[in-house]
């Protein structure tokens, strides 16, 4: 299949059919987006946790500058491994099971941080949450895009990044009133709720079709969309299409591929992660500690942080198709 072969593109909704009205789709999307919310919370956790650890009683693990740097950054190492693991899981275990499995390292990581008695337990907990972040950041957009009908696919897909930002902001705001142990306890909440909700949600119709489970796919669509009106099964050949390097010769493939990779690279090279990981420390080192714009819990600084973070949402969201038709199906 190539971008020039529209007759082989798998369709689950007959062209011209009326848009579904199922409301459980939005509950399923919310359940999956709790993974990105946990992802954001894990990213933002180190910002208030590092000063809290330094203010804690002598019984708590002590962080010097080097240890604090590792505490913030080690989550990215786990996320790199989680991205590879998520790519393997999503096609073998399925989208739903992958999301269920990623809740375990989220909860285990924050639980390990809560019980930490030394630096290694803190780093181990951050590494586990990073592993879960990598899986969730890959699987959640796939799950949401594959359960959504075209009219709302762009809207629900943009909620992934929005929930990441909300998770970061939640960590900053909660750090205002909670010390580092209780902040880690709070971090166990979103993945636990995701586990409970996702147990009640179906697998995506597309994944079920790739496993030749047509009846289950139809049942999943009825559950999510409210009915199977307009259902059209994809051609058999289309279910087995995989990515081939030869596809990169087509402009419809390599142009968005290069643009997407470039945007991701520029975003990471901008250093935004360092700001998220060490925001409070950065503000304090910049002598803003006594100011209402300090890196602490002041409302002014929280508004500043949320504005900086949400700027990451609006550009990709506004660039998406008005119809929300992303090339997943």
C-alpha atoms as a PDB file:
ATOM      1  CA  UNK A   1       0.000   0.000   0.000  1.00  0.00           C
ATOM      2  CA  UNK A   2       1.189   3.516  -0.818  1.00  0.00           C
ATOM      3  CA  UNK A   3      -0.301   6.949  -0.149  1.00  0.00           C
ATOM      4  CA  UNK A   4      -1.523   6.862  -3.750  1.00  0.00           C
ATOM      5  CA  UNK A   5      -3.724   3.796  -3.165  1.00  0.00           C
ATOM      6  CA  UNK A   6      -6.802   5.179  -1.384  1.00  0.00           C
ATOM      7  CA  UNK A   7      -8.879   2.098  -2.173  1.00  0.00           C
ATOM      8  CA  UNK A   8      -6.807   0.035   0.266  1.00  0.00           C
ATOM      9  CA  UNK A   9      -7.123   2.397   3.248  1.00  0.00           C
ATOM     10  CA  UNK A  10      -9.086   0.580   5.975  1.00  0.00           C
ATOM     11  CA  UNK A  11     -12.350   2.256   6.923  1.00  0.00           C
ATOM     12  CA  UNK A  12     -14.391   1.495  10.005  1.00  0.00           C
ATOM     13  CA  UNK A  13     -17.005   4.128   9.212  1.00  0.00           C
ATOM     14  CA  UNK A  14     -18.666   4.196   5.835  1.00  0.00           C
ATOM     15  CA  UNK A  15     -18.117   7.536   4.039  1.00  0.00           C
ATOM     16  CA  UNK A  16     -21.185   9.708   4.250  1.00  0.00           C
ATOM     17  CA  UNK A  17     -22.496   7.907   7.319  1.00  0.00           C
ATOM     18  CA  UNK A  18     -23.902   9.921  10.204  1.00  0.00           C
ATOM     19  CA  UNK A  19     -21.547  10.747  13.076  1.00  0.00           C
ATOM     20  CA  UNK A  20     -21.921   8.482  16.133  1.00  0.00           C
ATOM     21  CA  UNK A  21     -23.260   9.833  19.395  1.00  0.00           C
ATOM     22  CA  UNK A  22     -21.813   7.406  21.952  1.00  0.00           C
ATOM     23  CA  UNK A  23     -20.745   9.110  25.167  1.00  0.00           C
ATOM     24  CA  UNK A  24     -18.719   6.190  26.507  1.00  0.00           C
ATOM     25  CA  UNK A  25     -16.085   7.104  23.938  1.00  0.00           C
ATOM     26  CA  UNK A  26     -15.278  10.215  25.965  1.00  0.00           C
ATOM     27  CA  UNK A  27     -15.037   8.202  29.178  1.00  0.00           C
ATOM     28  CA  UNK A  28     -12.646   5.792  27.465  1.00  0.00           C
ATOM     29  CA  UNK A  29     -10.568   8.698  26.154  1.00  0.00           C
ATOM     30  CA  UNK A  30     -10.485  10.217  29.645  1.00  0.00           C
ATOM     31  CA  UNK A  31      -9.383   6.897  31.141  1.00  0.00           C
ATOM     32  CA  UNK A  32      -6.540   6.605  28.631  1.00  0.00           C
ATOM     33  CA  UNK A  33      -5.537  10.262  29.094  1.00  0.00           C
ATOM     34  CA  UNK A  34      -4.900   9.616  32.787  1.00  0.00           C
ATOM     35  CA  UNK A  35      -1.667   8.023  31.571  1.00  0.00           C
ATOM     36  CA  UNK A  36      -0.416  11.316  30.104  1.00  0.00           C
ATOM     37  CA  UNK A  37      -1.658  13.067  33.268  1.00  0.00           C
ATOM     38  CA  UNK A  38       0.548  10.739  35.326  1.00  0.00           C
ATOM     39  CA  UNK A  39       3.341  11.365  32.829  1.00  0.00           C
ATOM     40  CA  UNK A  40       3.090  15.114  33.400  1.00  0.00           C
ATOM     41  CA  UNK A  41       2.940  14.676  37.165  1.00  0.00           C
ATOM     42  CA  UNK A  42       6.127  12.594  37.074  1.00  0.00           C
ATOM     43  CA  UNK A  43       7.861  15.279  34.987  1.00  0.00           C
ATOM     44  CA  UNK A  44       6.828  18.076  37.324  1.00  0.00           C
ATOM     45  CA  UNK A  45       7.366  16.132  40.556  1.00  0.00           C
ATOM     46  CA  UNK A  46      11.070  16.879  40.920  1.00  0.00           C
ATOM     47  CA  UNK A  47      10.594  20.669  40.842  1.00  0.00           C
ATOM     48  CA  UNK A  48       8.868  20.968  44.248  1.00  0.00           C
ATOM     49  CA  UNK A  49      10.334  17.712  45.609  1.00  0.00           C
ATOM     50  CA  UNK A  50      13.995  18.762  45.448  1.00  0.00           C
ATOM     51  CA  UNK A  51      13.612  21.852  47.702  1.00  0.00           C
ATOM     52  CA  UNK A  52      11.315  19.839  49.983  1.00  0.00           C
ATOM     53  CA  UNK A  53      13.950  17.106  50.343  1.00  0.00           C
ATOM     54  CA  UNK A  54      16.583  19.700  51.177  1.00  0.00           C
ATOM     55  CA  UNK A  55      14.349  21.203  53.870  1.00  0.00           C
ATOM     56  CA  UNK A  56      13.410  17.831  55.380  1.00  0.00           C
ATOM     57  CA  UNK A  57      14.532  16.417  58.695  1.00  0.00           C
ATOM     58  CA  UNK A  58      17.912  14.631  58.852  1.00  0.00           C
ATOM     59  CA  UNK A  59      16.160  11.247  58.617  1.00  0.00           C
ATOM     60  CA  UNK A  60      15.155  11.980  55.022  1.00  0.00           C
ATOM     61  CA  UNK A  61      17.544  11.320  52.112  1.00  0.00           C
ATOM     62  CA  UNK A  62      19.838  14.273  51.597  1.00  0.00           C
ATOM     63  CA  UNK A  63      20.390  15.743  48.146  1.00  0.00           C
ATOM     64  CA  UNK A  64      23.508  17.652  47.162  1.00  0.00           C
ATOM     65  CA  UNK A  65      23.679  19.413  43.806  1.00  0.00           C
ATOM     66  CA  UNK A  66      24.850  16.315  41.953  1.00  0.00           C
ATOM     67  CA  UNK A  67      22.208  14.067  43.509  1.00  0.00           C
ATOM     68  CA  UNK A  68      19.493  16.628  42.844  1.00  0.00           C
ATOM     69  CA  UNK A  69      20.549  16.779  39.198  1.00  0.00           C
ATOM     70  CA  UNK A  70      20.278  12.999  38.881  1.00  0.00           C
ATOM     71  CA  UNK A  71      16.964  12.944  40.727  1.00  0.00           C
ATOM     72  CA  UNK A  72      15.423  15.237  38.174  1.00  0.00           C
ATOM     73  CA  UNK A  73      17.016  13.808  35.032  1.00  0.00           C
ATOM     74  CA  UNK A  74      16.972  10.043  35.625  1.00  0.00           C
ATOM     75  CA  UNK A  75      13.298   9.931  34.687  1.00  0.00           C
ATOM     76  CA  UNK A  76      14.335  10.567  31.067  1.00  0.00           C
ATOM     77  CA  UNK A  77      16.469   7.413  31.038  1.00  0.00           C
ATOM     78  CA  UNK A  78      13.475   5.372  32.125  1.00  0.00           C
ATOM     79  CA  UNK A  79      11.315   7.102  29.536  1.00  0.00           C
ATOM     80  CA  UNK A  80      13.763   6.197  26.760  1.00  0.00           C
ATOM     81  CA  UNK A  81      13.546   2.528  27.726  1.00  0.00           C
ATOM     82  CA  UNK A  82       9.777   2.837  28.147  1.00  0.00           C
ATOM     83  CA  UNK A  83       9.386   4.145  24.620  1.00  0.00           C
ATOM     84  CA  UNK A  84      11.096   1.061  23.211  1.00  0.00           C
ATOM     85  CA  UNK A  85       9.097  -1.228  25.492  1.00  0.00           C
ATOM     86  CA  UNK A  86       5.848   0.521  24.602  1.00  0.00           C
ATOM     87  CA  UNK A  87       6.500   0.084  20.889  1.00  0.00           C
ATOM     88  CA  UNK A  88       6.922  -3.649  21.436  1.00  0.00           C
ATOM     89  CA  UNK A  89       3.919  -3.990  23.742  1.00  0.00           C
ATOM     90  CA  UNK A  90       1.415  -1.976  21.717  1.00  0.00           C
ATOM     91  CA  UNK A  91       1.430  -4.419  18.799  1.00  0.00           C
ATOM     92  CA  UNK A  92       1.742  -7.619  20.784  1.00  0.00           C
ATOM     93  CA  UNK A  93      -0.182  -7.120  23.992  1.00  0.00           C
ATOM     94  CA  UNK A  94      -2.639  -4.613  22.558  1.00  0.00           C
ATOM     95  CA  UNK A  95      -3.412  -1.002  23.334  1.00  0.00           C
ATOM     96  CA  UNK A  96      -5.615  -1.612  26.356  1.00  0.00           C
ATOM     97  CA  UNK A  97      -3.337  -4.126  28.058  1.00  0.00           C
ATOM     98  CA  UNK A  98      -0.318  -1.899  27.450  1.00  0.00           C
ATOM     99  CA  UNK A  99      -2.064   0.954  29.266  1.00  0.00           C
ATOM    100  CA  UNK A 100      -3.017  -1.371  32.096  1.00  0.00           C
ATOM    101  CA  UNK A 101       0.550  -2.621  32.422  1.00  0.00           C
ATOM    102  CA  UNK A 102       2.053   0.871  32.534  1.00  0.00           C
ATOM    103  CA  UNK A 103       0.086   1.639  35.703  1.00  0.00           C
ATOM    104  CA  UNK A 104       2.268  -0.846  37.626  1.00  0.00           C
ATOM    105  CA  UNK A 105       5.589   1.042  37.290  1.00  0.00           C
ATOM    106  CA  UNK A 106       3.800   4.339  37.902  1.00  0.00           C
ATOM    107  CA  UNK A 107       2.401   3.151  41.245  1.00  0.00           C
ATOM    108  CA  UNK A 108       5.512   1.158  42.153  1.00  0.00           C
ATOM    109  CA  UNK A 109       7.784   4.099  41.383  1.00  0.00           C
ATOM    110  CA  UNK A 110       5.862   6.617  43.460  1.00  0.00           C
ATOM    111  CA  UNK A 111       5.479   4.040  46.252  1.00  0.00           C
ATOM    112  CA  UNK A 112       9.244   3.500  46.248  1.00  0.00           C
ATOM    113  CA  UNK A 113       9.821   7.249  46.484  1.00  0.00           C
ATOM    114  CA  UNK A 114       7.325   7.456  49.355  1.00  0.00           C
ATOM    115  CA  UNK A 115       9.203   4.766  51.295  1.00  0.00           C
ATOM    116  CA  UNK A 116      12.678   6.029  50.316  1.00  0.00           C
ATOM    117  CA  UNK A 117      15.355   5.912  52.999  1.00  0.00           C
ATOM    118  CA  UNK A 118      18.312   6.719  50.791  1.00  0.00           C
ATOM    119  CA  UNK A 119      19.208   8.259  47.454  1.00  0.00           C
ATOM    120  CA  UNK A 120      19.140   4.977  45.548  1.00  0.00           C
ATOM    121  CA  UNK A 121      15.514   4.370  46.451  1.00  0.00           C
ATOM    122  CA  UNK A 122      14.650   7.848  45.204  1.00  0.00           C
ATOM    123  CA  UNK A 123      16.480   7.263  41.921  1.00  0.00           C
ATOM    124  CA  UNK A 124      14.922   3.816  41.538  1.00  0.00           C
ATOM    125  CA  UNK A 125      11.457   5.276  41.981  1.00  0.00           C
ATOM    126  CA  UNK A 126      12.131   8.005  39.432  1.00  0.00           C
ATOM    127  CA  UNK A 127      13.489   5.421  36.989  1.00  0.00           C
ATOM    128  CA  UNK A 128      10.319   3.331  37.308  1.00  0.00           C
ATOM    129  CA  UNK A 129       8.034   6.309  36.795  1.00  0.00           C
ATOM    130  CA  UNK A 130      10.124   7.250  33.766  1.00  0.00           C
ATOM    131  CA  UNK A 131       9.648   3.760  32.337  1.00  0.00           C
ATOM    132  CA  UNK A 132       5.882   4.147  32.737  1.00  0.00           C
ATOM    133  CA  UNK A 133       6.035   7.611  31.153  1.00  0.00           C
ATOM    134  CA  UNK A 134       7.655   6.195  28.039  1.00  0.00           C
ATOM    135  CA  UNK A 135       4.992   3.520  27.634  1.00  0.00           C
ATOM    136  CA  UNK A 136       2.062   5.839  28.378  1.00  0.00           C
ATOM    137  CA  UNK A 137       3.259   8.599  26.060  1.00  0.00           C
ATOM    138  CA  UNK A 138       3.362   6.143  23.164  1.00  0.00           C
ATOM    139  CA  UNK A 139       0.297   3.983  23.815  1.00  0.00           C
ATOM    140  CA  UNK A 140      -2.266   6.558  24.997  1.00  0.00           C
ATOM    141  CA  UNK A 141      -2.348   8.571  21.714  1.00  0.00           C
ATOM    142  CA  UNK A 142      -2.677   5.339  19.733  1.00  0.00           C
ATOM    143  CA  UNK A 143      -5.556   4.098  21.877  1.00  0.00           C
ATOM    144  CA  UNK A 144      -7.419   7.409  21.763  1.00  0.00           C
ATOM    145  CA  UNK A 145      -6.995   7.854  18.014  1.00  0.00           C
ATOM    146  CA  UNK A 146      -8.163   4.314  17.262  1.00  0.00           C
ATOM    147  CA  UNK A 147     -11.323   4.479  19.374  1.00  0.00           C
ATOM    148  CA  UNK A 148     -12.364   7.924  18.101  1.00  0.00           C
ATOM    149  CA  UNK A 149     -14.577   8.629  15.129  1.00  0.00           C
ATOM    150  CA  UNK A 150     -13.218  11.223  12.660  1.00  0.00           C
ATOM    151  CA  UNK A 151     -15.361  14.143  13.845  1.00  0.00           C
ATOM    152  CA  UNK A 152     -13.734  14.178  17.313  1.00  0.00           C
ATOM    153  CA  UNK A 153     -10.419  12.448  16.679  1.00  0.00           C
ATOM    154  CA  UNK A 154      -8.413  15.672  16.505  1.00  0.00           C
ATOM    155  CA  UNK A 155     -10.106  17.075  19.598  1.00  0.00           C
ATOM    156  CA  UNK A 156      -9.544  13.979  21.718  1.00  0.00           C
ATOM    157  CA  UNK A 157      -6.037  13.509  20.362  1.00  0.00           C
ATOM    158  CA  UNK A 158      -5.003  16.990  21.474  1.00  0.00           C
ATOM    159  CA  UNK A 159      -6.165  16.129  24.991  1.00  0.00           C
ATOM    160  CA  UNK A 160      -3.101  13.915  25.380  1.00  0.00           C
ATOM    161  CA  UNK A 161      -0.728  16.880  25.432  1.00  0.00           C
ATOM    162  CA  UNK A 162      -3.206  18.920  27.434  1.00  0.00           C
ATOM    163  CA  UNK A 163      -3.281  16.253  30.146  1.00  0.00           C
ATOM    164  CA  UNK A 164       0.532  16.190  30.257  1.00  0.00           C
ATOM    165  CA  UNK A 165       0.490  19.929  30.936  1.00  0.00           C
ATOM    166  CA  UNK A 166      -2.245  19.514  33.532  1.00  0.00           C
ATOM    167  CA  UNK A 167      -0.147  16.869  35.267  1.00  0.00           C
ATOM    168  CA  UNK A 168       2.837  19.206  35.427  1.00  0.00           C
ATOM    169  CA  UNK A 169       0.672  21.993  36.812  1.00  0.00           C
ATOM    170  CA  UNK A 170      -0.891  19.614  39.353  1.00  0.00           C
ATOM    171  CA  UNK A 171       2.556  18.671  40.645  1.00  0.00           C
ATOM    172  CA  UNK A 172       3.513  22.349  40.995  1.00  0.00           C
ATOM    173  CA  UNK A 173       0.304  23.290  42.787  1.00  0.00           C
ATOM    174  CA  UNK A 174       0.312  20.242  45.061  1.00  0.00           C
ATOM    175  CA  UNK A 175       3.934  20.968  45.958  1.00  0.00           C
ATOM    176  CA  UNK A 176       2.651  24.177  47.526  1.00  0.00           C
ATOM    177  CA  UNK A 177       0.939  22.302  50.351  1.00  0.00           C
ATOM    178  CA  UNK A 178       2.495  18.819  50.340  1.00  0.00           C
ATOM    179  CA  UNK A 179       5.987  17.723  51.248  1.00  0.00           C
ATOM    180  CA  UNK A 180       7.805  15.270  49.004  1.00  0.00           C
ATOM    181  CA  UNK A 181       6.493  12.014  50.527  1.00  0.00           C
ATOM    182  CA  UNK A 182       2.834  13.017  50.392  1.00  0.00           C
ATOM    183  CA  UNK A 183       3.365  14.443  46.930  1.00  0.00           C
ATOM    184  CA  UNK A 184       4.528  10.984  45.833  1.00  0.00           C
ATOM    185  CA  UNK A 185       1.438   9.449  47.458  1.00  0.00           C
ATOM    186  CA  UNK A 186      -0.699  11.825  45.395  1.00  0.00           C
ATOM    187  CA  UNK A 187       1.160  10.648  42.293  1.00  0.00           C
ATOM    188  CA  UNK A 188      -0.245   7.139  42.829  1.00  0.00           C
ATOM    189  CA  UNK A 189      -3.810   8.460  42.381  1.00  0.00           C
ATOM    190  CA  UNK A 190      -4.102   9.040  38.594  1.00  0.00           C
ATOM    191  CA  UNK A 191      -2.565   5.684  37.533  1.00  0.00           C
ATOM    192  CA  UNK A 192      -4.725   3.842  40.069  1.00  0.00           C
ATOM    193  CA  UNK A 193      -7.838   5.516  38.686  1.00  0.00           C
ATOM    194  CA  UNK A 194      -6.693   4.700  35.154  1.00  0.00           C
ATOM    195  CA  UNK A 195      -6.303   1.043  36.121  1.00  0.00           C
ATOM    196  CA  UNK A 196      -9.849   0.915  37.484  1.00  0.00           C
ATOM    197  CA  UNK A 197     -11.411   2.689  34.498  1.00  0.00           C
ATOM    198  CA  UNK A 198      -9.453   0.908  31.778  1.00  0.00           C
ATOM    199  CA  UNK A 199     -10.552  -2.455  33.152  1.00  0.00           C
ATOM    200  CA  UNK A 200     -14.068  -1.478  32.025  1.00  0.00           C
ATOM    201  CA  UNK A 201     -13.025  -0.206  28.594  1.00  0.00           C
ATOM    202  CA  UNK A 202     -12.718  -2.313  25.412  1.00  0.00           C
ATOM    203  CA  UNK A 203      -9.729  -2.911  23.213  1.00  0.00           C
ATOM    204  CA  UNK A 204      -9.588  -0.729  20.109  1.00  0.00           C
ATOM    205  CA  UNK A 205     -11.577  -2.010  17.106  1.00  0.00           C
ATOM    206  CA  UNK A 206      -8.550  -1.668  14.850  1.00  0.00           C
ATOM    207  CA  UNK A 207      -6.353  -3.902  17.005  1.00  0.00           C
ATOM    208  CA  UNK A 208      -9.130  -6.486  17.259  1.00  0.00           C
ATOM    209  CA  UNK A 209      -9.455  -6.500  13.479  1.00  0.00           C
ATOM    210  CA  UNK A 210      -5.734  -7.148  13.074  1.00  0.00           C
ATOM    211  CA  UNK A 211      -6.300 -10.244  15.243  1.00  0.00           C
ATOM    212  CA  UNK A 212      -9.268 -11.286  13.069  1.00  0.00           C
ATOM    213  CA  UNK A 213     -11.711 -10.761  15.943  1.00  0.00           C
ATOM    214  CA  UNK A 214     -14.444  -9.147  13.880  1.00  0.00           C
ATOM    215  CA  UNK A 215     -17.299  -9.745  16.299  1.00  0.00           C
ATOM    216  CA  UNK A 216     -15.328  -8.325  19.199  1.00  0.00           C
ATOM    217  CA  UNK A 217     -14.398  -5.301  17.070  1.00  0.00           C
ATOM    218  CA  UNK A 218     -18.053  -4.694  16.233  1.00  0.00           C
ATOM    219  CA  UNK A 219     -19.003  -5.030  19.914  1.00  0.00           C
ATOM    220  CA  UNK A 220     -16.250  -2.572  20.904  1.00  0.00           C
ATOM    221  CA  UNK A 221     -17.498  -0.070  18.352  1.00  0.00           C
ATOM    222  CA  UNK A 222     -21.063  -0.407  19.622  1.00  0.00           C
ATOM    223  CA  UNK A 223     -19.836   0.169  23.181  1.00  0.00           C
ATOM    224  CA  UNK A 224     -17.785   3.237  22.281  1.00  0.00           C
ATOM    225  CA  UNK A 225     -19.864   4.835  19.527  1.00  0.00           C
ATOM    226  CA  UNK A 226     -23.338   3.846  20.672  1.00  0.00           C
ATOM    227  CA  UNK A 227     -24.162   1.830  17.549  1.00  0.00           C
ATOM    228  CA  UNK A 228     -22.568   0.111  14.584  1.00  0.00           C
ATOM    229  CA  UNK A 229     -24.491   2.169  12.029  1.00  0.00           C
ATOM    230  CA  UNK A 230     -22.277   2.833   9.048  1.00  0.00           C
ATOM    231  CA  UNK A 231     -19.925  -0.005   9.983  1.00  0.00           C
ATOM    232  CA  UNK A 232     -17.709  -1.124   7.142  1.00  0.00           C
ATOM    233  CA  UNK A 233     -15.014  -3.728   7.647  1.00  0.00           C
ATOM    234  CA  UNK A 234     -11.620  -2.985   6.096  1.00  0.00           C
ATOM    235  CA  UNK A 235     -10.300  -5.023   3.207  1.00  0.00           C
ATOM    236  CA  UNK A 236      -8.474  -8.148   4.316  1.00  0.00           C
ATOM    237  CA  UNK A 237      -5.205  -7.044   2.685  1.00  0.00           C
ATOM    238  CA  UNK A 238      -5.276  -3.721   4.537  1.00  0.00           C
ATOM    239  CA  UNK A 239      -5.171  -5.425   7.923  1.00  0.00           C
ATOM    240  CA  UNK A 240      -1.690  -6.769   7.272  1.00  0.00           C
ATOM    241  CA  UNK A 241      -0.058  -3.664   5.870  1.00  0.00           C
ATOM    242  CA  UNK A 242       3.139  -2.780   7.695  1.00  0.00           C
ATOM    243  CA  UNK A 243       5.643   0.018   7.385  1.00  0.00           C
ATOM    244  CA  UNK A 244       8.289  -0.429   4.715  1.00  0.00           C
ATOM    245  CA  UNK A 245      11.315   1.758   4.084  1.00  0.00           C
ATOM    246  CA  UNK A 246      10.241   2.045   0.452  1.00  0.00           C
ATOM    247  CA  UNK A 247       7.301   4.168   1.612  1.00  0.00           C
ATOM    248  CA  UNK A 248       9.728   6.949   2.540  1.00  0.00           C
ATOM    249  CA  UNK A 249      10.127   7.676  -1.183  1.00  0.00           C
ATOM    250  CA  UNK A 250       6.594   9.094  -1.278  1.00  0.00           C
ATOM    251  CA  UNK A 251       6.223  12.823  -0.422  1.00  0.00           C
ATOM    252  CA  UNK A 252       3.032  12.087   1.520  1.00  0.00           C
ATOM    253  CA  UNK A 253       5.137   9.998   3.909  1.00  0.00           C
ATOM    254  CA  UNK A 254       8.575  11.531   4.144  1.00  0.00           C
ATOM    255  CA  UNK A 255       7.466  15.191   4.367  1.00  0.00           C
ATOM    256  CA  UNK A 256       5.295  14.842   7.513  1.00  0.00           C
ATOM    257  CA  UNK A 257       7.864  12.373   8.880  1.00  0.00           C
ATOM    258  CA  UNK A 258      10.697  14.908   8.586  1.00  0.00           C
ATOM    259  CA  UNK A 259       8.530  17.744   9.930  1.00  0.00           C
ATOM    260  CA  UNK A 260       7.418  15.675  12.923  1.00  0.00           C
ATOM    261  CA  UNK A 261      10.944  14.529  13.787  1.00  0.00           C
ATOM    262  CA  UNK A 262      12.260  18.087  13.428  1.00  0.00           C
ATOM    263  CA  UNK A 263       9.584  19.533  15.711  1.00  0.00           C
ATOM    264  CA  UNK A 264      10.329  16.905  18.353  1.00  0.00           C
ATOM    265  CA  UNK A 265      14.075  17.522  18.119  1.00  0.00           C
ATOM    266  CA  UNK A 266      13.770  21.316  18.347  1.00  0.00           C
ATOM    267  CA  UNK A 267      11.408  21.006  21.308  1.00  0.00           C
ATOM    268  CA  UNK A 268      13.806  18.813  23.260  1.00  0.00           C
ATOM    269  CA  UNK A 269      16.893  20.840  22.305  1.00  0.00           C
ATOM    270  CA  UNK A 270      15.191  23.991  23.593  1.00  0.00           C
ATOM    271  CA  UNK A 271      15.896  22.783  27.131  1.00  0.00           C
ATOM    272  CA  UNK A 272      12.269  22.883  28.234  1.00  0.00           C
ATOM    273  CA  UNK A 273      12.670  19.655  30.219  1.00  0.00           C
ATOM    274  CA  UNK A 274      15.347  21.208  32.421  1.00  0.00           C
ATOM    275  CA  UNK A 275      12.957  24.055  33.231  1.00  0.00           C
ATOM    276  CA  UNK A 276      10.175  21.609  34.152  1.00  0.00           C
ATOM    277  CA  UNK A 277      12.439  19.403  36.272  1.00  0.00           C
ATOM    278  CA  UNK A 278      14.115  22.197  38.240  1.00  0.00           C
ATOM    279  CA  UNK A 279      11.707  25.147  37.988  1.00  0.00           C
ATOM    280  CA  UNK A 280      11.604  25.955  41.695  1.00  0.00           C
ATOM    281  CA  UNK A 281      15.366  25.613  42.090  1.00  0.00           C
ATOM    282  CA  UNK A 282      15.948  27.813  39.034  1.00  0.00           C
ATOM    283  CA  UNK A 283      13.731  30.567  40.420  1.00  0.00           C
ATOM    284  CA  UNK A 284      15.398  30.386  43.831  1.00  0.00           C
ATOM    285  CA  UNK A 285      18.913  30.451  42.340  1.00  0.00           C
ATOM    286  CA  UNK A 286      17.837  33.485  40.318  1.00  0.00           C
ATOM    287  CA  UNK A 287      17.085  35.266  43.630  1.00  0.00           C
ATOM    288  CA  UNK A 288      13.329  35.328  43.078  1.00  0.00           C
ATOM    289  CA  UNK A 289      12.684  33.496  46.353  1.00  0.00           C
ATOM    290  CA  UNK A 290      11.209  36.554  48.080  1.00  0.00           C
ATOM    291  CA  UNK A 291       9.197  37.608  45.067  1.00  0.00           C
ATOM    292  CA  UNK A 292       5.614  36.715  44.192  1.00  0.00           C
ATOM    293  CA  UNK A 293       7.126  35.207  41.012  1.00  0.00           C
ATOM    294  CA  UNK A 294       9.337  32.848  42.984  1.00  0.00           C
ATOM    295  CA  UNK A 295       9.658  29.172  42.148  1.00  0.00           C
ATOM    296  CA  UNK A 296       7.509  28.326  45.138  1.00  0.00           C
ATOM    297  CA  UNK A 297       3.763  27.968  45.376  1.00  0.00           C
ATOM    298  CA  UNK A 298       2.713  31.544  44.727  1.00  0.00           C
ATOM    299  CA  UNK A 299      -0.328  31.931  42.452  1.00  0.00           C
ATOM    300  CA  UNK A 300       1.566  34.288  40.179  1.00  0.00           C
ATOM    301  CA  UNK A 301       4.311  31.753  39.523  1.00  0.00           C
ATOM    302  CA  UNK A 302       1.768  28.984  39.000  1.00  0.00           C
ATOM    303  CA  UNK A 303       0.093  31.096  36.301  1.00  0.00           C
ATOM    304  CA  UNK A 304       3.478  31.745  34.715  1.00  0.00           C
ATOM    305  CA  UNK A 305       4.355  28.070  34.680  1.00  0.00           C
ATOM    306  CA  UNK A 306       0.987  27.023  33.289  1.00  0.00           C
ATOM    307  CA  UNK A 307       1.294  29.634  30.535  1.00  0.00           C
ATOM    308  CA  UNK A 308       4.758  28.375  29.601  1.00  0.00           C
ATOM    309  CA  UNK A 309       3.575  24.774  29.588  1.00  0.00           C
ATOM    310  CA  UNK A 310       0.289  25.264  27.748  1.00  0.00           C
ATOM    311  CA  UNK A 311       2.135  27.021  24.947  1.00  0.00           C
ATOM    312  CA  UNK A 312       3.314  23.520  24.051  1.00  0.00           C
ATOM    313  CA  UNK A 313      -0.315  22.540  23.429  1.00  0.00           C
ATOM    314  CA  UNK A 314      -1.803  25.214  21.222  1.00  0.00           C
ATOM    315  CA  UNK A 315       0.614  25.002  18.297  1.00  0.00           C
ATOM    316  CA  UNK A 316       0.144  21.268  17.581  1.00  0.00           C
ATOM    317  CA  UNK A 317      -3.553  21.484  18.416  1.00  0.00           C
ATOM    318  CA  UNK A 318      -4.216  24.384  16.051  1.00  0.00           C
ATOM    319  CA  UNK A 319      -2.200  22.702  13.307  1.00  0.00           C
ATOM    320  CA  UNK A 320      -4.373  19.577  13.330  1.00  0.00           C
ATOM    321  CA  UNK A 321      -6.997  19.008  10.673  1.00  0.00           C
ATOM    322  CA  UNK A 322     -10.359  20.775  11.173  1.00  0.00           C
ATOM    323  CA  UNK A 323     -12.065  17.426  10.731  1.00  0.00           C
ATOM    324  CA  UNK A 324      -9.700  15.678  13.084  1.00  0.00           C
ATOM    325  CA  UNK A 325      -8.891  13.107  10.417  1.00  0.00           C
ATOM    326  CA  UNK A 326      -5.499  11.795  11.428  1.00  0.00           C
ATOM    327  CA  UNK A 327      -3.940   9.057   9.292  1.00  0.00           C
ATOM    328  CA  UNK A 328      -4.254   6.274  11.869  1.00  0.00           C
ATOM    329  CA  UNK A 329      -7.132   4.396  10.237  1.00  0.00           C
END
